[in-house]
Amino acid sequence: MLKKNVLRRKTDFQSIYNRGKSVGDRYVVLFYKKNHLPYNRMAFLASKKVGNSVSRNRARRLMKESYRLTKLKIPEGYDVIIIARNTIADAKCAEVRKSLESAIRRTGVLKK
């Protein structure tokens, strides 16, 4: 992922949480908001509820790989935060991918 495609500023996160929309699924919660830029910005988060640092890093890797492999790409111009639920700890990559695809479909931002 390129540096410009990563959400970093606190104001961006607050804007997405306060004015964006969210969709939850079994393993992930997806927050999204239009950013009016020609590219998407992403963030992958795992809180301490997921487990120790090894579990949190594994959860982030699973989410990143699932997003990379997903066939349903979000159209350009969105800020997206993908948060791991604590159920992701024992999940396989295929299960996380299916959960992420389901959440992306339910956002309604995909082009027909």
Protein backbone atom coordinates (compact mmCIF):
# COMPACT_ATOMS: atom_id res chain seq x y z
CA MET A 1 0.00 0.00 0.00
CA LEU A 2 1.34 3.43 -0.89
CA LYS A 3 1.92 6.00 1.84
CA LYS A 4 -0.78 8.32 0.49
CA ASN A 5 -3.31 5.46 0.72
CA VAL A 6 -2.99 5.08 4.50
CA LEU A 7 -5.12 7.00 6.99
CA ARG A 8 -2.92 8.55 9.67
CA ARG A 9 -4.35 11.79 11.08
CA LYS A 10 -6.63 11.82 14.10
CA THR A 11 -8.96 14.31 12.40
CA ASP A 12 -9.51 11.89 9.52
CA PHE A 13 -10.41 9.08 11.91
CA GLN A 14 -12.76 11.32 13.90
CA SER A 15 -14.45 12.49 10.71
CA ILE A 16 -15.08 8.93 9.56
CA TYR A 17 -16.35 7.80 12.97
CA ASN A 18 -18.62 10.84 13.40
CA ARG A 19 -19.94 11.46 9.88
CA GLY A 20 -19.32 8.15 8.13
CA LYS A 21 -21.39 4.99 7.95
CA SER A 22 -20.63 1.54 9.31
CA VAL A 23 -21.35 -2.08 8.48
CA GLY A 24 -20.56 -5.00 10.74
CA ASP A 25 -19.98 -8.65 10.01
CA ARG A 26 -18.79 -11.71 11.92
CA TYR A 27 -15.07 -10.90 11.90
CA VAL A 28 -14.84 -7.24 10.87
CA VAL A 29 -16.53 -3.86 11.22
CA LEU A 30 -16.19 -1.49 8.28
CA PHE A 31 -16.47 2.31 8.60
CA TYR A 32 -16.52 4.33 5.38
CA LYS A 33 -16.98 7.88 4.16
CA LYS A 34 -16.53 9.67 0.85
CA ASN A 35 -13.28 11.65 0.72
CA HIS A 36 -13.57 13.40 -2.71
CA LEU A 37 -10.01 12.36 -3.65
CA PRO A 38 -9.01 10.35 -6.73
CA TYR A 39 -7.87 7.44 -4.52
CA ASN A 40 -8.97 5.44 -1.46
CA ARG A 41 -7.38 5.71 1.96
CA MET A 42 -7.42 2.68 4.25
CA ALA A 43 -6.74 1.80 7.88
CA PHE A 44 -6.70 -1.66 9.49
CA LEU A 45 -7.20 -1.72 13.26
CA ALA A 46 -7.18 -4.39 15.95
CA SER A 47 -7.80 -3.37 19.55
CA LYS A 48 -6.47 -5.06 22.68
CA LYS A 49 -9.77 -6.94 22.92
CA VAL A 50 -8.50 -9.11 20.05
CA GLY A 51 -5.63 -10.42 22.18
CA ASN A 52 -1.92 -9.97 22.67
CA SER A 53 0.34 -8.27 20.14
CA VAL A 54 0.87 -11.46 18.16
CA SER A 55 -2.91 -11.92 17.76
CA ARG A 56 -3.46 -8.27 16.85
CA ASN A 57 -0.74 -8.31 14.20
CA ARG A 58 -2.12 -11.56 12.77
CA ALA A 59 -5.59 -9.99 12.63
CA ARG A 60 -4.24 -6.96 10.74
CA ARG A 61 -2.35 -9.21 8.31
CA LEU A 62 -5.49 -11.28 7.70
CA MET A 63 -7.56 -8.17 7.00
CA LYS A 64 -4.94 -6.66 4.67
CA GLU A 65 -4.57 -9.88 2.71
CA SER A 66 -8.33 -10.36 2.52
CA TYR A 67 -8.76 -6.85 1.18
CA ARG A 68 -5.97 -7.38 -1.34
CA LEU A 69 -7.51 -10.61 -2.60
CA THR A 70 -11.11 -9.50 -2.62
CA LYS A 71 -12.68 -9.30 -6.04
CA LEU A 72 -15.06 -6.54 -4.93
CA LYS A 73 -13.03 -3.37 -5.04
CA ILE A 74 -14.38 -0.22 -3.46
CA PRO A 75 -14.64 2.58 -6.06
CA GLU A 76 -12.17 5.45 -5.86
CA GLY A 77 -12.83 8.30 -3.46
CA TYR A 78 -13.51 6.64 -0.08
CA ASP A 79 -11.88 6.57 3.32
CA VAL A 80 -12.25 3.11 4.87
CA ILE A 81 -11.45 1.85 8.36
CA ILE A 82 -11.58 -1.92 8.86
CA ILE A 83 -11.66 -2.99 12.50
CA ALA A 84 -11.12 -6.57 13.69
CA ARG A 85 -13.63 -8.09 16.10
CA ASN A 86 -12.37 -10.37 18.86
CA THR A 87 -13.83 -13.39 17.00
CA ILE A 88 -11.08 -13.04 14.37
CA ALA A 89 -8.49 -14.61 16.70
CA ASP A 90 -9.05 -18.21 15.54
CA ALA A 91 -10.32 -17.44 12.03
CA LYS A 92 -8.76 -18.62 8.79
CA CYS A 93 -7.94 -16.24 5.95
CA ALA A 94 -10.78 -17.55 3.75
CA GLU A 95 -13.32 -16.89 6.51
CA VAL A 96 -12.08 -13.34 7.04
CA ARG A 97 -12.16 -12.73 3.30
CA LYS A 98 -15.75 -13.93 3.06
CA SER A 99 -16.72 -11.71 6.00
CA LEU A 100 -15.00 -8.67 4.45
CA GLU A 101 -16.63 -9.26 1.06
CA SER A 102 -20.02 -9.50 2.72
CA ALA A 103 -19.47 -6.24 4.59
CA ILE A 104 -18.27 -4.44 1.43
CA ARG A 105 -21.32 -5.66 -0.51
CA ARG A 106 -23.66 -4.35 2.20
CA THR A 107 -22.16 -0.86 2.10
CA GLY A 108 -23.91 -0.18 -1.19
CA VAL A 109 -20.98 1.76 -2.67
CA LEU A 110 -20.05 -0.84 -5.28
CA LYS A 111 -20.71 0.05 -8.89
CA LYS A 112 -23.23 -2.14 -10.63
